[in-house]
């Protein structure tokens, strides 16, 4: 991701994209572009990371998601792990973390 212009002293928003990134899938590329555009629009920056669904599926510990300010369930299923996707939804809901599902 290209760094966005940022207001000095403002921490970029950290977004975890829950999904199994495929560069051939236009919607995945569009998701990246949307977050990059949002960062430019905010002048504060948006950093994002794709989190594979199988890396948060039980018995893996979903607490690795706590470092994100918000989570986005990416378009383009099926996910490699539906359990992982559902775990991320439950994790966000139970901790009042902003969550978008597309």
PDB file of N, CA and C in Angstrom:
ATOM      1  N   UNK A   1       0.838  -1.169   0.000  1.00  0.00           N
ATOM      2  CA  UNK A   1       0.000   0.000   0.000  1.00  0.00           C
ATOM      3  C   UNK A   1       0.884   1.233   0.000  1.00  0.00           C
ATOM      4  N   UNK A   2       0.561   2.169  -0.841  1.00  0.00           N
ATOM      5  CA  UNK A   2       1.283   3.426  -0.875  1.00  0.00           C
ATOM      6  C   UNK A   2       0.875   4.269   0.327  1.00  0.00           C
ATOM      7  N   UNK A   3       1.849   4.891   0.989  1.00  0.00           N
ATOM      8  CA  UNK A   3       1.476   5.695   2.155  1.00  0.00           C
ATOM      9  C   UNK A   3       0.652   6.906   1.737  1.00  0.00           C
ATOM     10  N   UNK A   4      -0.362   7.204   2.522  1.00  0.00           N
ATOM     11  CA  UNK A   4      -1.211   8.363   2.273  1.00  0.00           C
ATOM     12  C   UNK A   4      -0.617   9.571   2.993  1.00  0.00           C
ATOM     13  N   UNK A   5      -0.968  10.751   2.517  1.00  0.00           N
ATOM     14  CA  UNK A   5      -0.583  11.969   3.228  1.00  0.00           C
ATOM     15  C   UNK A   5      -1.258  11.932   4.591  1.00  0.00           C
ATOM     16  N   UNK A   6      -0.513  12.330   5.614  1.00  0.00           N
ATOM     17  CA  UNK A   6      -1.064  12.212   6.960  1.00  0.00           C
ATOM     18  C   UNK A   6      -0.866  13.485   7.748  1.00  0.00           C
ATOM     19  N   UNK A   7      -1.826  13.756   8.606  1.00  0.00           N
ATOM     20  CA  UNK A   7      -1.711  14.875   9.523  1.00  0.00           C
ATOM     21  C   UNK A   7      -0.683  14.479  10.575  1.00  0.00           C
ATOM     22  N   UNK A   8       0.251  15.361  10.835  1.00  0.00           N
ATOM     23  CA  UNK A   8       1.302  15.074  11.805  1.00  0.00           C
ATOM     24  C   UNK A   8       0.677  14.803  13.167  1.00  0.00           C
ATOM     25  N   UNK A   9       1.105  13.726  13.787  1.00  0.00           N
ATOM     26  CA  UNK A   9       0.643  13.378  15.119  1.00  0.00           C
ATOM     27  C   UNK A   9      -0.649  12.572  15.168  1.00  0.00           C
ATOM     28  N   UNK A  10      -1.264  12.331  14.016  1.00  0.00           N
ATOM     29  CA  UNK A  10      -2.502  11.551  13.990  1.00  0.00           C
ATOM     30  C   UNK A  10      -2.171  10.122  13.581  1.00  0.00           C
ATOM     31  N   UNK A  11      -2.574   9.206  14.411  1.00  0.00           N
ATOM     32  CA  UNK A  11      -2.317   7.792  14.155  1.00  0.00           C
ATOM     33  C   UNK A  11      -3.227   7.309  13.025  1.00  0.00           C
ATOM     34  N   UNK A  12      -2.671   6.596  12.045  1.00  0.00           N
ATOM     35  CA  UNK A  12      -3.534   6.050  10.991  1.00  0.00           C
ATOM     36  C   UNK A  12      -4.520   5.032  11.558  1.00  0.00           C
ATOM     37  N   UNK A  13      -5.679   4.962  10.951  1.00  0.00           N
ATOM     38  CA  UNK A  13      -6.683   3.974  11.322  1.00  0.00           C
ATOM     39  C   UNK A  13      -6.198   2.610  10.842  1.00  0.00           C
ATOM     40  N   UNK A  14      -6.307   1.611  11.692  1.00  0.00           N
ATOM     41  CA  UNK A  14      -5.865   0.256  11.372  1.00  0.00           C
ATOM     42  C   UNK A  14      -7.086  -0.607  11.065  1.00  0.00           C
ATOM     43  N   UNK A  15      -7.172  -1.126   9.840  1.00  0.00           N
ATOM     44  CA  UNK A  15      -8.309  -1.940   9.427  1.00  0.00           C
ATOM     45  C   UNK A  15      -7.831  -3.352   9.094  1.00  0.00           C
ATOM     46  N   UNK A  16      -8.491  -4.324   9.663  1.00  0.00           N
ATOM     47  CA  UNK A  16      -8.236  -5.727   9.327  1.00  0.00           C
ATOM     48  C   UNK A  16      -9.291  -6.181   8.331  1.00  0.00           C
ATOM     49  N   UNK A  17      -8.842  -6.629   7.167  1.00  0.00           N
ATOM     50  CA  UNK A  17      -9.771  -7.131   6.153  1.00  0.00           C
ATOM     51  C   UNK A  17      -9.814  -8.647   6.294  1.00  0.00           C
ATOM     52  N   UNK A  18     -10.971  -9.146   6.687  1.00  0.00           N
ATOM     53  CA  UNK A  18     -11.140 -10.575   6.889  1.00  0.00           C
ATOM     54  C   UNK A  18     -11.491 -11.202   5.543  1.00  0.00           C
ATOM     55  N   UNK A  19     -10.576 -11.994   5.020  1.00  0.00           N
ATOM     56  CA  UNK A  19     -10.808 -12.623   3.726  1.00  0.00           C
ATOM     57  C   UNK A  19      -9.545 -13.252   3.196  1.00  0.00           C
ATOM     58  N   UNK A  20      -9.703 -13.937   2.115  1.00  0.00           N
ATOM     59  CA  UNK A  20      -8.593 -14.672   1.508  1.00  0.00           C
ATOM     60  C   UNK A  20      -8.243 -13.996   0.185  1.00  0.00           C
ATOM     61  N   UNK A  21      -7.320 -13.037   0.287  1.00  0.00           N
ATOM     62  CA  UNK A  21      -6.994 -12.140  -0.823  1.00  0.00           C
ATOM     63  C   UNK A  21      -6.586 -12.904  -2.076  1.00  0.00           C
ATOM     64  N   UNK A  22      -7.185 -12.489  -3.179  1.00  0.00           N
ATOM     65  CA  UNK A  22      -6.854 -13.019  -4.501  1.00  0.00           C
ATOM     66  C   UNK A  22      -6.668 -11.829  -5.433  1.00  0.00           C
ATOM     67  N   UNK A  23      -5.446 -11.547  -5.862  1.00  0.00           N
ATOM     68  CA  UNK A  23      -5.203 -10.368  -6.698  1.00  0.00           C
ATOM     69  C   UNK A  23      -5.930 -10.420  -8.040  1.00  0.00           C
ATOM     70  N   UNK A  24      -6.386 -11.583  -8.438  1.00  0.00           N
ATOM     71  CA  UNK A  24      -7.131 -11.710  -9.694  1.00  0.00           C
ATOM     72  C   UNK A  24      -8.595 -11.291  -9.537  1.00  0.00           C
ATOM     73  N   UNK A  25      -9.064 -11.180  -8.319  1.00  0.00           N
ATOM     74  CA  UNK A  25     -10.459 -10.851  -8.067  1.00  0.00           C
ATOM     75  C   UNK A  25     -10.601  -9.331  -7.968  1.00  0.00           C
ATOM     76  N   UNK A  26     -11.361  -8.741  -8.886  1.00  0.00           N
ATOM     77  CA  UNK A  26     -11.485  -7.283  -8.972  1.00  0.00           C
ATOM     78  C   UNK A  26     -11.992  -6.663  -7.677  1.00  0.00           C
ATOM     79  N   UNK A  27     -12.913  -7.322  -7.000  1.00  0.00           N
ATOM     80  CA  UNK A  27     -13.459  -6.758  -5.762  1.00  0.00           C
ATOM     81  C   UNK A  27     -12.405  -6.663  -4.655  1.00  0.00           C
ATOM     82  N   UNK A  28     -11.455  -7.573  -4.645  1.00  0.00           N
ATOM     83  CA  UNK A  28     -10.397  -7.487  -3.639  1.00  0.00           C
ATOM     84  C   UNK A  28      -9.493  -6.292  -3.938  1.00  0.00           C
ATOM     85  N   UNK A  29      -9.158  -6.097  -5.185  1.00  0.00           N
ATOM     86  CA  UNK A  29      -8.359  -4.921  -5.547  1.00  0.00           C
ATOM     87  C   UNK A  29      -9.133  -3.639  -5.246  1.00  0.00           C
ATOM     88  N   UNK A  30     -10.444  -3.657  -5.497  1.00  0.00           N
ATOM     89  CA  UNK A  30     -11.274  -2.484  -5.230  1.00  0.00           C
ATOM     90  C   UNK A  30     -11.355  -2.190  -3.728  1.00  0.00           C
ATOM     91  N   UNK A  31     -11.347  -3.223  -2.905  1.00  0.00           N
ATOM     92  CA  UNK A  31     -11.356  -3.037  -1.452  1.00  0.00           C
ATOM     93  C   UNK A  31     -10.106  -2.282  -1.021  1.00  0.00           C
ATOM     94  N   UNK A  32      -8.958  -2.702  -1.531  1.00  0.00           N
ATOM     95  CA  UNK A  32      -7.706  -1.999  -1.226  1.00  0.00           C
ATOM     96  C   UNK A  32      -7.788  -0.546  -1.685  1.00  0.00           C
ATOM     97  N   UNK A  33      -8.261  -0.337  -2.910  1.00  0.00           N
ATOM     98  CA  UNK A  33      -8.347   1.017  -3.462  1.00  0.00           C
ATOM     99  C   UNK A  33      -9.289   1.896  -2.639  1.00  0.00           C
ATOM    100  N   UNK A  34     -10.395   1.324  -2.175  1.00  0.00           N
ATOM    101  CA  UNK A  34     -11.352   2.087  -1.374  1.00  0.00           C
ATOM    102  C   UNK A  34     -10.723   2.547  -0.060  1.00  0.00           C
ATOM    103  N   UNK A  35      -9.989   1.669   0.584  1.00  0.00           N
ATOM    104  CA  UNK A  35      -9.351   2.042   1.846  1.00  0.00           C
ATOM    105  C   UNK A  35      -8.245   3.065   1.626  1.00  0.00           C
ATOM    106  N   UNK A  36      -7.508   2.936   0.548  1.00  0.00           N
ATOM    107  CA  UNK A  36      -6.472   3.915   0.237  1.00  0.00           C
ATOM    108  C   UNK A  36      -7.095   5.283  -0.042  1.00  0.00           C
ATOM    109  N   UNK A  37      -8.212   5.309  -0.764  1.00  0.00           N
ATOM    110  CA  UNK A  37      -8.905   6.564  -1.042  1.00  0.00           C
ATOM    111  C   UNK A  37      -9.451   7.176   0.248  1.00  0.00           C
ATOM    112  N   UNK A  38      -9.966   6.343   1.132  1.00  0.00           N
ATOM    113  CA  UNK A  38     -10.466   6.841   2.418  1.00  0.00           C
ATOM    114  C   UNK A  38      -9.341   7.485   3.213  1.00  0.00           C
ATOM    115  N   UNK A  39      -8.187   6.867   3.193  1.00  0.00           N
ATOM    116  CA  UNK A  39      -7.033   7.430   3.893  1.00  0.00           C
ATOM    117  C   UNK A  39      -6.641   8.790   3.344  1.00  0.00           C
ATOM    118  N   UNK A  40      -6.655   8.915   2.020  1.00  0.00           N
ATOM    119  CA  UNK A  40      -6.339  10.216   1.414  1.00  0.00           C
ATOM    120  C   UNK A  40      -7.397  11.247   1.792  1.00  0.00           C
ATOM    121  N   UNK A  41      -8.652  10.829   1.808  1.00  0.00           N
ATOM    122  CA  UNK A  41      -9.735  11.743   2.151  1.00  0.00           C
ATOM    123  C   UNK A  41      -9.699  12.192   3.599  1.00  0.00           C
ATOM    124  N   UNK A  42      -9.228  11.351   4.471  1.00  0.00           N
ATOM    125  CA  UNK A  42      -9.161  11.683   5.895  1.00  0.00           C
ATOM    126  C   UNK A  42      -7.936  12.519   6.249  1.00  0.00           C
ATOM    127  N   UNK A  43      -6.955  12.522   5.381  1.00  0.00           N
ATOM    128  CA  UNK A  43      -5.667  13.171   5.662  1.00  0.00           C
ATOM    129  C   UNK A  43      -5.019  12.612   6.926  1.00  0.00           C
ATOM    130  N   UNK A  44      -5.496  11.487   7.390  1.00  0.00           N
ATOM    131  CA  UNK A  44      -4.925  10.886   8.586  1.00  0.00           C
ATOM    132  C   UNK A  44      -4.322   9.524   8.256  1.00  0.00           C
ATOM    133  N   UNK A  45      -4.774   8.933   7.192  1.00  0.00           N
ATOM    134  CA  UNK A  45      -4.236   7.659   6.767  1.00  0.00           C
ATOM    135  C   UNK A  45      -5.048   6.483   7.253  1.00  0.00           C
ATOM    136  N   UNK A  46      -5.060   5.478   6.415  1.00  0.00           N
ATOM    137  CA  UNK A  46      -5.681   4.207   6.741  1.00  0.00           C
ATOM    138  C   UNK A  46      -4.673   3.127   6.383  1.00  0.00           C
ATOM    139  N   UNK A  47      -4.298   2.342   7.353  1.00  0.00           N
ATOM    140  CA  UNK A  47      -3.447   1.177   7.113  1.00  0.00           C
ATOM    141  C   UNK A  47      -4.338  -0.040   7.181  1.00  0.00           C
ATOM    142  N   UNK A  48      -4.090  -0.996   6.309  1.00  0.00           N
ATOM    143  CA  UNK A  48      -4.918  -2.197   6.309  1.00  0.00           C
ATOM    144  C   UNK A  48      -4.055  -3.435   6.124  1.00  0.00           C
ATOM    145  N   UNK A  49      -4.627  -4.531   6.565  1.00  0.00           N
ATOM    146  CA  UNK A  49      -3.957  -5.829   6.430  1.00  0.00           C
ATOM    147  C   UNK A  49      -5.026  -6.876   6.165  1.00  0.00           C
ATOM    148  N   UNK A  50      -4.769  -7.729   5.189  1.00  0.00           N
ATOM    149  CA  UNK A  50      -5.657  -8.857   4.933  1.00  0.00           C
ATOM    150  C   UNK A  50      -5.344  -9.941   5.962  1.00  0.00           C
ATOM    151  N   UNK A  51      -6.389 -10.442   6.600  1.00  0.00           N
ATOM    152  CA  UNK A  51      -6.257 -11.511   7.594  1.00  0.00           C
ATOM    153  C   UNK A  51      -6.988 -12.730   7.033  1.00  0.00           C
ATOM    154  N   UNK A  52      -6.239 -13.778   6.755  1.00  0.00           N
ATOM    155  CA  UNK A  52      -6.853 -14.962   6.161  1.00  0.00           C
ATOM    156  C   UNK A  52      -7.812 -15.620   7.136  1.00  0.00           C
ATOM    157  N   UNK A  53      -8.905 -16.121   6.595  1.00  0.00           N
ATOM    158  CA  UNK A  53      -9.929 -16.716   7.450  1.00  0.00           C
ATOM    159  C   UNK A  53      -9.427 -17.954   8.171  1.00  0.00           C
ATOM    160  N   UNK A  54      -8.540 -18.702   7.540  1.00  0.00           N
ATOM    161  CA  UNK A  54      -8.052 -19.903   8.220  1.00  0.00           C
ATOM    162  C   UNK A  54      -7.061 -19.578   9.333  1.00  0.00           C
ATOM    163  N   UNK A  55      -6.556 -18.340   9.375  1.00  0.00           N
ATOM    164  CA  UNK A  55      -5.629 -17.973  10.460  1.00  0.00           C
ATOM    165  C   UNK A  55      -6.362 -17.557  11.727  1.00  0.00           C
ATOM    166  N   UNK A  56      -7.691 -17.403  11.655  1.00  0.00           N
ATOM    167  CA  UNK A  56      -8.456 -17.034  12.855  1.00  0.00           C
ATOM    168  C   UNK A  56      -9.547 -18.051  13.166  1.00  0.00           C
ATOM    169  N   UNK A  57      -9.531 -19.142  12.435  1.00  0.00           N
ATOM    170  CA  UNK A  57     -10.518 -20.201  12.686  1.00  0.00           C
ATOM    171  C   UNK A  57     -10.147 -20.934  13.969  1.00  0.00           C
ATOM    172  N   UNK A  58     -11.140 -21.336  14.725  1.00  0.00           N
ATOM    173  CA  UNK A  58     -10.845 -22.131  15.917  1.00  0.00           C
ATOM    174  C   UNK A  58     -10.029 -23.364  15.539  1.00  0.00           C
ATOM    175  N   UNK A  59      -9.049 -23.761  16.290  1.00  0.00           N
ATOM    176  CA  UNK A  59      -8.736 -23.331  17.654  1.00  0.00           C
ATOM    177  C   UNK A  59      -7.772 -22.152  17.721  1.00  0.00           C
ATOM    178  N   UNK A  60      -7.462 -21.476  16.591  1.00  0.00           N
ATOM    179  CA  UNK A  60      -6.579 -20.311  16.644  1.00  0.00           C
ATOM    180  C   UNK A  60      -7.213 -19.211  17.487  1.00  0.00           C
ATOM    181  N   UNK A  61      -6.381 -18.386  18.063  1.00  0.00           N
ATOM    182  CA  UNK A  61      -6.830 -17.343  18.974  1.00  0.00           C
ATOM    183  C   UNK A  61      -7.159 -16.071  18.191  1.00  0.00           C
ATOM    184  N   UNK A  62      -8.414 -15.634  18.203  1.00  0.00           N
ATOM    185  CA  UNK A  62      -8.780 -14.438  17.444  1.00  0.00           C
ATOM    186  C   UNK A  62      -8.304 -13.134  18.080  1.00  0.00           C
ATOM    187  N   UNK A  63      -7.659 -13.208  19.250  1.00  0.00           N
ATOM    188  CA  UNK A  63      -7.227 -11.971  19.913  1.00  0.00           C
ATOM    189  C   UNK A  63      -6.224 -11.187  19.077  1.00  0.00           C
ATOM    190  N   UNK A  64      -5.671 -11.809  18.050  1.00  0.00           N
ATOM    191  CA  UNK A  64      -4.763 -11.063  17.171  1.00  0.00           C
ATOM    192  C   UNK A  64      -5.500  -9.939  16.455  1.00  0.00           C
ATOM    193  N   UNK A  65      -6.827  -9.978  16.467  1.00  0.00           N
ATOM    194  CA  UNK A  65      -7.628  -8.939  15.821  1.00  0.00           C
ATOM    195  C   UNK A  65      -7.746  -7.678  16.674  1.00  0.00           C
ATOM    196  N   UNK A  66      -7.305  -7.727  17.934  1.00  0.00           N
ATOM    197  CA  UNK A  66      -7.458  -6.574  18.825  1.00  0.00           C
ATOM    198  C   UNK A  66      -6.643  -5.370  18.370  1.00  0.00           C
ATOM    199  N   UNK A  67      -5.641  -5.562  17.564  1.00  0.00           N
ATOM    200  CA  UNK A  67      -4.810  -4.428  17.149  1.00  0.00           C
ATOM    201  C   UNK A  67      -5.458  -3.558  16.082  1.00  0.00           C
ATOM    202  N   UNK A  68      -6.599  -4.009  15.554  1.00  0.00           N
ATOM    203  CA  UNK A  68      -7.291  -3.248  14.519  1.00  0.00           C
ATOM    204  C   UNK A  68      -8.352  -2.346  15.135  1.00  0.00           C
ATOM    205  N   UNK A  69      -8.523  -1.172  14.511  1.00  0.00           N
ATOM    206  CA  UNK A  69      -9.566  -0.242  14.937  1.00  0.00           C
ATOM    207  C   UNK A  69     -10.926  -0.645  14.379  1.00  0.00           C
ATOM    208  N   UNK A  70     -10.923  -1.427  13.321  1.00  0.00           N
ATOM    209  CA  UNK A  70     -12.152  -1.899  12.703  1.00  0.00           C
ATOM    210  C   UNK A  70     -11.864  -3.102  11.833  1.00  0.00           C
ATOM    211  N   UNK A  71     -12.904  -3.870  11.543  1.00  0.00           N
ATOM    212  CA  UNK A  71     -12.769  -5.071  10.714  1.00  0.00           C
ATOM    213  C   UNK A  71     -13.736  -4.975   9.542  1.00  0.00           C
ATOM    214  N   UNK A  72     -13.320  -5.533   8.410  1.00  0.00           N
ATOM    215  CA  UNK A  72     -14.126  -5.536   7.193  1.00  0.00           C
ATOM    216  C   UNK A  72     -14.111  -6.954   6.654  1.00  0.00           C
ATOM    217  N   UNK A  73     -15.287  -7.581   6.572  1.00  0.00           N
ATOM    218  CA  UNK A  73     -15.396  -8.903   5.938  1.00  0.00           C
ATOM    219  C   UNK A  73     -15.433  -8.652   4.433  1.00  0.00           C
ATOM    220  N   UNK A  74     -14.401  -9.059   3.762  1.00  0.00           N
ATOM    221  CA  UNK A  74     -14.235  -8.756   2.341  1.00  0.00           C
ATOM    222  C   UNK A  74     -15.245  -9.495   1.475  1.00  0.00           C
ATOM    223  N   UNK A  75     -15.581  -8.881   0.350  1.00  0.00           N
ATOM    224  CA  UNK A  75     -16.430  -9.581  -0.612  1.00  0.00           C
ATOM    225  C   UNK A  75     -15.635 -10.695  -1.279  1.00  0.00           C
ATOM    226  N   UNK A  76     -16.348 -11.634  -1.850  1.00  0.00           N
ATOM    227  CA  UNK A  76     -15.636 -12.623  -2.647  1.00  0.00           C
ATOM    228  C   UNK A  76     -15.520 -13.988  -2.039  1.00  0.00           C
ATOM    229  N   UNK A  77     -16.496 -14.369  -1.248  1.00  0.00           N
ATOM    230  CA  UNK A  77     -16.469 -15.732  -0.743  1.00  0.00           C
ATOM    231  C   UNK A  77     -16.534 -16.708  -1.903  1.00  0.00           C
ATOM    232  N   UNK A  78     -16.415 -17.962  -1.720  1.00  0.00           N
ATOM    233  CA  UNK A  78     -16.407 -18.539  -0.374  1.00  0.00           C
ATOM    234  C   UNK A  78     -15.060 -18.332   0.310  1.00  0.00           C
ATOM    235  N   UNK A  79     -15.130 -18.206   1.605  1.00  0.00           N
ATOM    236  CA  UNK A  79     -13.917 -18.096   2.397  1.00  0.00           C
ATOM    237  C   UNK A  79     -13.316 -19.485   2.565  1.00  0.00           C
ATOM    238  N   UNK A  80     -11.991 -19.532   2.727  1.00  0.00           N
ATOM    239  CA  UNK A  80     -11.363 -20.835   2.989  1.00  0.00           C
ATOM    240  C   UNK A  80     -11.891 -21.425   4.286  1.00  0.00           C
ATOM    241  N   UNK A  81     -12.192 -20.544   5.244  1.00  0.00           N
ATOM    242  CA  UNK A  81     -12.736 -21.016   6.519  1.00  0.00           C
ATOM    243  C   UNK A  81     -13.937 -20.163   6.906  1.00  0.00           C
ATOM    244  N   UNK A  82     -15.121 -20.712   6.754  1.00  0.00           N
ATOM    245  CA  UNK A  82     -16.317 -20.012   7.206  1.00  0.00           C
ATOM    246  C   UNK A  82     -16.265 -19.817   8.718  1.00  0.00           C
ATOM    247  N   UNK A  83     -15.714 -20.787   9.443  1.00  0.00           N
ATOM    248  CA  UNK A  83     -15.566 -20.649  10.896  1.00  0.00           C
ATOM    249  C   UNK A  83     -14.710 -19.433  11.243  1.00  0.00           C
ATOM    250  N   UNK A  84     -13.645 -19.206  10.486  1.00  0.00           N
ATOM    251  CA  UNK A  84     -12.791 -18.044  10.724  1.00  0.00           C
ATOM    252  C   UNK A  84     -13.533 -16.745  10.482  1.00  0.00           C
ATOM    253  N   UNK A  85     -14.310 -16.689   9.407  1.00  0.00           N
ATOM    254  CA  UNK A  85     -15.094 -15.486   9.116  1.00  0.00           C
ATOM    255  C   UNK A  85     -16.112 -15.232  10.224  1.00  0.00           C
ATOM    256  N   UNK A  86     -16.802 -16.266  10.647  1.00  0.00           N
ATOM    257  CA  UNK A  86     -17.794 -16.123  11.714  1.00  0.00           C
ATOM    258  C   UNK A  86     -17.142 -15.752  13.046  1.00  0.00           C
ATOM    259  N   UNK A  87     -15.954 -16.281  13.296  1.00  0.00           N
ATOM    260  CA  UNK A  87     -15.219 -15.940  14.511  1.00  0.00           C
ATOM    261  C   UNK A  87     -14.909 -14.450  14.544  1.00  0.00           C
ATOM    262  N   UNK A  88     -14.532 -13.885  13.394  1.00  0.00           N
ATOM    263  CA  UNK A  88     -14.213 -12.453  13.351  1.00  0.00           C
ATOM    264  C   UNK A  88     -15.458 -11.611  13.609  1.00  0.00           C
ATOM    265  N   UNK A  89     -16.599 -12.029  13.090  1.00  0.00           N
ATOM    266  CA  UNK A  89     -17.855 -11.304  13.328  1.00  0.00           C
ATOM    267  C   UNK A  89     -18.195 -11.336  14.813  1.00  0.00           C
ATOM    268  N   UNK A  90     -18.129 -12.498  15.400  1.00  0.00           N
ATOM    269  CA  UNK A  90     -18.428 -12.633  16.829  1.00  0.00           C
ATOM    270  C   UNK A  90     -17.443 -11.814  17.664  1.00  0.00           C
ATOM    271  N   UNK A  91     -16.170 -11.874  17.311  1.00  0.00           N
ATOM    272  CA  UNK A  91     -15.133 -11.141  18.033  1.00  0.00           C
ATOM    273  C   UNK A  91     -15.442  -9.642  18.021  1.00  0.00           C
ATOM    274  N   UNK A  92     -15.777  -9.099  16.858  1.00  0.00           N
ATOM    275  CA  UNK A  92     -16.081  -7.661  16.747  1.00  0.00           C
ATOM    276  C   UNK A  92     -17.340  -7.308  17.533  1.00  0.00           C
ATOM    277  N   UNK A  93     -18.355  -8.115  17.403  1.00  0.00           N
ATOM    278  CA  UNK A  93     -19.634  -7.854  18.073  1.00  0.00           C
ATOM    279  C   UNK A  93     -19.466  -7.849  19.593  1.00  0.00           C
ATOM    280  N   UNK A  94     -18.741  -8.814  20.126  1.00  0.00           N
ATOM    281  CA  UNK A  94     -18.583  -8.942  21.574  1.00  0.00           C
ATOM    282  C   UNK A  94     -17.672  -7.882  22.171  1.00  0.00           C
ATOM    283  N   UNK A  95     -16.879  -7.215  21.341  1.00  0.00           N
ATOM    284  CA  UNK A  95     -15.937  -6.209  21.840  1.00  0.00           C
ATOM    285  C   UNK A  95     -16.236  -4.801  21.328  1.00  0.00           C
ATOM    286  N   UNK A  96     -17.395  -4.635  20.689  1.00  0.00           N
ATOM    287  CA  UNK A  96     -17.801  -3.330  20.152  1.00  0.00           C
ATOM    288  C   UNK A  96     -16.761  -2.749  19.195  1.00  0.00           C
ATOM    289  N   UNK A  97     -16.176  -3.598  18.375  1.00  0.00           N
ATOM    290  CA  UNK A  97     -15.241  -3.155  17.336  1.00  0.00           C
ATOM    291  C   UNK A  97     -16.062  -2.904  16.074  1.00  0.00           C
ATOM    292  N   UNK A  98     -15.906  -1.748  15.433  1.00  0.00           N
ATOM    293  CA  UNK A  98     -16.651  -1.505  14.189  1.00  0.00           C
ATOM    294  C   UNK A  98     -16.397  -2.620  13.180  1.00  0.00           C
ATOM    295  N   UNK A  99     -17.467  -3.046  12.523  1.00  0.00           N
ATOM    296  CA  UNK A  99     -17.392  -4.173  11.598  1.00  0.00           C
ATOM    297  C   UNK A  99     -18.281  -3.880  10.380  1.00  0.00           C
ATOM    298  N   UNK A 100     -17.729  -4.106   9.207  1.00  0.00           N
ATOM    299  CA  UNK A 100     -18.479  -3.968   7.959  1.00  0.00           C
ATOM    300  C   UNK A 100     -18.428  -5.304   7.250  1.00  0.00           C
ATOM    301  N   UNK A 101     -19.561  -5.780   6.811  1.00  0.00           N
ATOM    302  CA  UNK A 101     -19.616  -7.006   6.012  1.00  0.00           C
ATOM    303  C   UNK A 101     -20.163  -6.675   4.640  1.00  0.00           C
ATOM    304  N   UNK A 102     -19.426  -7.068   3.622  1.00  0.00           N
ATOM    305  CA  UNK A 102     -19.873  -6.776   2.247  1.00  0.00           C
ATOM    306  C   UNK A 102     -20.033  -8.054   1.458  1.00  0.00           C
TER     307      UNK A 102
END
